[in-house]
Amino acid sequence: MRLSGFSGRSALVTGAAGGIGQETVRLLNEAGATVVATDTAEALAALPAAMRANAVACLPCDLRDAGAVAAMVAAAEAQAGPISLAAHTAGVLALGPLLEMTAEQWRRVMAINLDGSFHLMQAIGPRLAAQPKAALVVVSSNAAGIPRLGMGAYCASKAALTMLTRCLGLELAQRGVRCNVIAPGSTLTPMQTGMWADKQGPARVIAGDLASFRTGIPLGKLATPAEIAQAAVFLLSDQAGHITMADLYIDGGATLRG
């Protein structure tokens, strides 16, 4: 099956310099969409030229700043035309026990993962509602649905993000806008590999750890960024035209749920 619904349409991808973001930009470009990529200025500056070529524009933006987000979305439409597709892949990870976390550490996670998402939705929601067959896909995490030791702030931010997206989907459903969530598990991105102290990191994740109450990955492998991006692009396609408010887990069975 060949996905359709991208030709002649403009798409915005946040977190575009990340592993999943880069693949999402690439796949949308290959599918025929005009793509605008956004991330922090530092992250965009580090993108290889070949990856930058997949987007008609790369716009720096700090999602924590509501005004900056509104300006970025306006600039995206000025360069690419009306945005009718959006993939929100931006996010940060914070590790540590909740009772040892500082208020500043907590706020940083919430400011990017949750507040930044709210700012984006407020800026782009009315624009999506003005376009036919518009769609938004948001990258949350399987950590939104299961407690994790040392990941309380991240889990909380992603659980809130998941419900925020689904509520937006309900609000915009009568305008024909579809809003869906994908919940990746362990994926071969810098965010994941940065958690490993040695080369045995992947094997430990796959095997699981009873002491930390983590199941392993039944499929016996980690996801690639492309596998996550493929699901995101599917949910933006015409083939997903009757799917909204879904929460799709893509974790190799790690959370033992669908």
Protein backbone atom coordinates (compact mmCIF):
# COMPACT_ATOMS: atom_id res chain seq x y z
CA MET A 1 0.00 0.00 0.00
CA ARG A 2 1.32 3.40 -0.97
CA LEU A 3 0.42 6.20 1.42
CA SER A 4 -1.32 9.19 -0.12
CA GLY A 5 -2.54 12.63 0.83
CA PHE A 6 0.76 14.51 0.91
CA SER A 7 1.22 15.97 -2.56
CA GLY A 8 0.59 19.70 -2.64
CA ARG A 9 0.31 19.94 1.14
CA SER A 10 2.55 21.60 3.70
CA ALA A 11 3.73 19.92 6.89
CA LEU A 12 5.44 21.21 10.03
CA VAL A 13 7.78 18.96 12.02
CA THR A 14 9.03 19.97 15.46
CA GLY A 15 12.07 18.38 17.06
CA ALA A 16 13.25 17.99 13.48
CA ALA A 17 16.91 17.55 14.38
CA GLY A 18 16.22 14.55 16.62
CA GLY A 19 16.37 10.97 15.44
CA ILE A 20 12.62 10.52 14.99
CA GLY A 21 12.21 14.09 13.75
CA GLN A 22 14.83 13.72 11.02
CA GLU A 23 13.21 10.55 9.74
CA THR A 24 9.76 12.14 9.81
CA VAL A 25 10.99 15.09 7.75
CA ARG A 26 12.64 12.74 5.26
CA LEU A 27 9.61 10.51 4.84
CA LEU A 28 7.18 13.41 4.47
CA ASN A 29 9.41 14.99 1.85
CA GLU A 30 9.64 11.69 -0.04
CA ALA A 31 5.85 11.35 0.12
CA GLY A 32 5.43 14.69 -1.63
CA ALA A 33 4.77 17.14 1.20
CA THR A 34 6.41 20.54 1.47
CA VAL A 35 8.10 20.29 4.86
CA VAL A 36 9.10 22.99 7.31
CA ALA A 37 11.45 21.77 10.03
CA THR A 38 11.83 23.42 13.42
CA ASP A 39 14.07 22.81 16.41
CA THR A 40 16.43 24.81 18.58
CA ALA A 41 18.98 26.91 16.71
CA GLU A 42 21.82 24.79 18.10
CA ALA A 43 20.21 21.53 17.01
CA LEU A 44 19.43 22.80 13.51
CA ALA A 45 22.99 24.08 13.07
CA ALA A 46 24.29 20.55 13.65
CA LEU A 47 22.07 18.98 10.99
CA PRO A 48 23.93 17.56 7.97
CA ALA A 49 23.24 19.34 4.70
CA ALA A 50 21.63 16.21 3.27
CA MET A 51 19.04 16.22 6.04
CA ARG A 52 18.41 19.98 5.77
CA ALA A 53 17.68 19.47 2.07
CA ASN A 54 14.53 17.50 2.98
CA ALA A 55 12.86 20.69 4.23
CA VAL A 56 11.96 23.86 2.37
CA ALA A 57 12.86 25.80 5.52
CA CYS A 58 14.53 25.13 8.87
CA LEU A 59 13.23 27.54 11.51
CA PRO A 60 14.79 27.85 14.97
CA CYS A 61 12.30 28.03 17.83
CA ASP A 62 12.18 27.67 21.60
CA LEU A 63 8.88 25.94 22.27
CA ARG A 64 8.87 27.25 25.84
CA ASP A 65 8.17 30.74 24.49
CA ALA A 66 4.56 31.05 23.34
CA GLY A 67 5.29 34.17 21.33
CA ALA A 68 8.21 32.53 19.56
CA VAL A 69 6.06 29.53 18.70
CA ALA A 70 3.32 31.70 17.22
CA ALA A 71 5.90 33.60 15.17
CA MET A 72 7.50 30.37 13.98
CA VAL A 73 4.18 28.95 12.79
CA ALA A 74 3.41 32.19 10.96
CA ALA A 75 6.86 32.11 9.33
CA ALA A 76 6.33 28.48 8.33
CA GLU A 77 3.12 29.36 6.52
CA ALA A 78 4.75 32.37 4.90
CA GLN A 79 7.38 30.10 3.37
CA ALA A 80 5.41 26.93 2.68
CA GLY A 81 1.78 27.95 2.46
CA PRO A 82 -1.06 26.87 4.77
CA ILE A 83 -0.02 24.08 7.14
CA SER A 84 -2.42 21.15 7.09
CA LEU A 85 -0.16 18.45 8.55
CA ALA A 86 1.98 18.56 11.69
CA ALA A 87 4.24 16.11 13.49
CA HIS A 88 5.29 17.14 16.99
CA THR A 89 8.36 15.08 17.91
CA ALA A 90 10.16 17.49 20.26
CA GLY A 91 10.86 16.43 23.83
CA VAL A 92 13.48 16.07 26.55
CA LEU A 93 14.34 13.41 29.11
CA ALA A 94 15.20 13.90 32.77
CA LEU A 95 16.37 11.12 35.07
CA GLY A 96 16.32 10.90 38.84
CA PRO A 97 14.06 10.03 41.79
CA LEU A 98 11.17 12.41 42.23
CA LEU A 99 12.05 13.17 45.85
CA GLU A 100 15.56 14.19 44.86
CA MET A 101 14.59 16.30 41.86
CA THR A 102 14.85 20.07 42.10
CA ALA A 103 11.98 22.34 41.16
CA GLU A 104 14.14 23.67 38.32
CA GLN A 105 14.67 20.18 36.90
CA TRP A 106 10.95 19.46 37.11
CA ARG A 107 10.03 22.73 35.43
CA ARG A 108 12.45 22.19 32.57
CA VAL A 109 10.84 18.88 31.65
CA MET A 110 7.32 20.26 31.93
CA ALA A 111 8.21 23.49 30.13
CA ILE A 112 9.38 21.64 27.03
CA ASN A 113 7.36 18.43 27.00
CA LEU A 114 4.03 19.88 28.14
CA ASP A 115 4.00 23.69 28.02
CA GLY A 116 5.78 23.72 24.67
CA SER A 117 3.24 21.27 23.29
CA PHE A 118 0.40 23.47 24.53
CA HIS A 119 1.97 26.51 22.89
CA LEU A 120 2.30 24.64 19.60
CA MET A 121 -1.28 23.39 19.71
CA GLN A 122 -2.63 26.86 20.41
CA ALA A 123 -0.63 28.28 17.52
CA ILE A 124 -1.33 25.60 14.95
CA GLY A 125 -4.76 24.32 15.99
CA PRO A 126 -6.80 27.12 14.35
CA ARG A 127 -4.69 26.86 11.20
CA LEU A 128 -5.27 23.12 10.97
CA ALA A 129 -8.98 23.66 11.53
CA ALA A 130 -9.06 25.97 8.51
CA GLN A 131 -7.69 23.26 6.18
CA PRO A 132 -9.43 20.18 4.77
CA LYS A 133 -8.29 16.77 6.01
CA ALA A 134 -5.82 18.29 8.47
CA ALA A 135 -3.98 16.07 10.92
CA LEU A 136 -1.61 16.28 13.87
CA VAL A 137 0.50 13.46 15.25
CA VAL A 138 2.30 13.82 18.57
CA VAL A 139 5.20 11.70 19.79
CA SER A 140 4.60 10.81 23.42
CA SER A 141 6.15 7.71 25.03
CA ASN A 142 5.21 4.31 26.38
CA ALA A 143 6.40 5.81 29.69
CA ALA A 144 3.10 7.72 29.67
CA GLY A 145 1.29 4.50 30.47
CA ILE A 146 3.54 2.72 32.95
CA PRO A 147 5.51 3.87 36.03
CA ARG A 148 9.30 3.92 35.68
CA LEU A 149 11.85 4.21 38.47
CA GLY A 150 13.92 7.36 38.11
CA MET A 151 11.73 8.74 35.33
CA GLY A 152 8.85 10.28 37.26
CA ALA A 153 8.99 13.74 35.71
CA TYR A 154 9.31 12.36 32.20
CA CYS A 155 6.47 9.87 32.74
CA ALA A 156 4.22 12.59 34.14
CA SER A 157 4.98 14.99 31.30
CA LYS A 158 4.27 12.37 28.65
CA ALA A 159 1.08 11.14 30.33
CA ALA A 160 -0.19 14.71 30.38
CA LEU A 161 0.89 15.22 26.77
CA THR A 162 -1.02 12.13 25.67
CA MET A 163 -4.25 13.33 27.27
CA LEU A 164 -3.70 16.89 26.05
CA THR A 165 -3.48 15.60 22.49
CA ARG A 166 -6.54 13.41 22.78
CA CYS A 167 -8.57 16.27 24.28
CA LEU A 168 -7.51 18.51 21.41
CA GLY A 169 -8.57 15.75 19.05
CA LEU A 170 -12.02 15.73 20.62
CA GLU A 171 -12.30 19.52 20.42
CA LEU A 172 -11.27 19.60 16.75
CA ALA A 173 -13.06 16.48 15.54
CA GLN A 174 -16.10 18.39 14.29
CA ARG A 175 -13.73 20.58 12.26
CA GLY A 176 -12.38 17.46 10.56
CA VAL A 177 -8.95 17.61 12.22
CA ARG A 178 -7.47 14.31 13.35
CA CYS A 179 -5.13 14.30 16.37
CA ASN A 180 -3.26 11.12 17.24
CA VAL A 181 -0.50 9.99 19.59
CA ILE A 182 2.31 7.54 19.06
CA ALA A 183 4.03 6.11 22.11
CA PRO A 184 7.48 4.76 21.28
CA GLY A 185 9.43 2.53 23.60
CA SER A 186 13.20 2.21 23.59
CA THR A 187 14.41 3.61 20.26
CA LEU A 188 17.92 4.00 18.88
CA THR A 189 18.16 7.76 19.29
CA PRO A 190 20.70 9.89 21.18
CA MET A 191 18.14 10.29 23.97
CA GLN A 192 18.14 6.52 24.47
CA THR A 193 21.81 5.77 23.93
CA GLY A 194 22.77 8.60 26.27
CA MET A 195 21.28 6.56 29.12
CA TRP A 196 23.71 3.69 28.62
CA ALA A 197 26.95 3.45 30.56
CA ASP A 198 28.51 0.77 28.34
CA LYS A 199 28.01 -1.39 25.25
CA GLN A 200 25.73 -3.77 27.14
CA GLY A 201 23.01 -1.13 27.34
CA PRO A 202 20.91 -2.49 24.46
CA ALA A 203 21.08 -6.05 25.78
CA ARG A 204 19.95 -4.94 29.24
CA VAL A 205 17.00 -3.02 27.82
CA ILE A 206 15.91 -5.99 25.72
CA ALA A 207 16.27 -8.44 28.61
CA GLY A 208 14.49 -6.25 31.14
CA ASP A 209 15.37 -5.77 34.79
CA LEU A 210 13.34 -7.32 37.61
CA ALA A 211 15.03 -5.13 40.23
CA SER A 212 13.69 -1.98 38.55
CA PHE A 213 10.34 -3.61 37.67
CA ARG A 214 10.96 -3.34 33.94
CA THR A 215 9.84 -5.98 31.52
CA GLY A 216 12.05 -6.57 28.52
CA ILE A 217 11.12 -6.22 24.87
CA PRO A 218 9.29 -9.34 23.63
CA LEU A 219 10.32 -8.72 20.00
CA GLY A 220 13.95 -8.83 21.11
CA LYS A 221 15.11 -5.57 19.53
CA LEU A 222 15.02 -1.81 19.89
CA ALA A 223 13.06 0.35 17.48
CA THR A 224 14.78 2.42 14.83
CA PRO A 225 13.80 6.07 14.33
CA ALA A 226 12.48 5.14 10.88
CA GLU A 227 10.05 2.62 12.37
CA ILE A 228 8.58 5.30 14.62
CA ALA A 229 8.49 7.90 11.83
CA GLN A 230 6.73 5.48 9.49
CA ALA A 231 3.89 5.18 11.99
CA ALA A 232 3.72 8.95 12.35
CA VAL A 233 3.51 9.46 8.60
CA PHE A 234 0.83 6.78 8.30
CA LEU A 235 -1.31 8.61 10.86
CA LEU A 236 -0.97 11.79 8.79
CA SER A 237 -1.95 10.03 5.57
CA ASP A 238 -5.31 9.64 3.86
CA GLN A 239 -5.17 5.95 4.75
CA ALA A 240 -5.66 6.91 8.42
CA GLY A 241 -8.61 9.15 7.57
CA HIS A 242 -10.94 7.60 10.17
CA ILE A 243 -8.40 7.43 13.00
CA THR A 244 -8.36 10.13 15.65
CA MET A 245 -7.58 10.34 19.37
CA ALA A 246 -5.69 7.04 19.05
CA ASP A 247 -2.70 6.24 21.27
CA LEU A 248 -0.49 3.83 19.35
CA TYR A 249 2.20 2.02 21.34
CA ILE A 250 5.28 1.15 19.28
CA ASP A 251 7.52 -0.60 21.77
CA GLY A 252 7.99 -4.18 20.64
CA GLY A 253 5.52 -5.29 23.30
CA ALA A 254 7.55 -3.85 26.19
CA THR A 255 4.51 -2.55 28.07
CA LEU A 256 2.46 -5.65 27.25
CA ARG A 257 -0.31 -3.53 25.77
CA GLY A 258 -1.48 -2.33 22.38
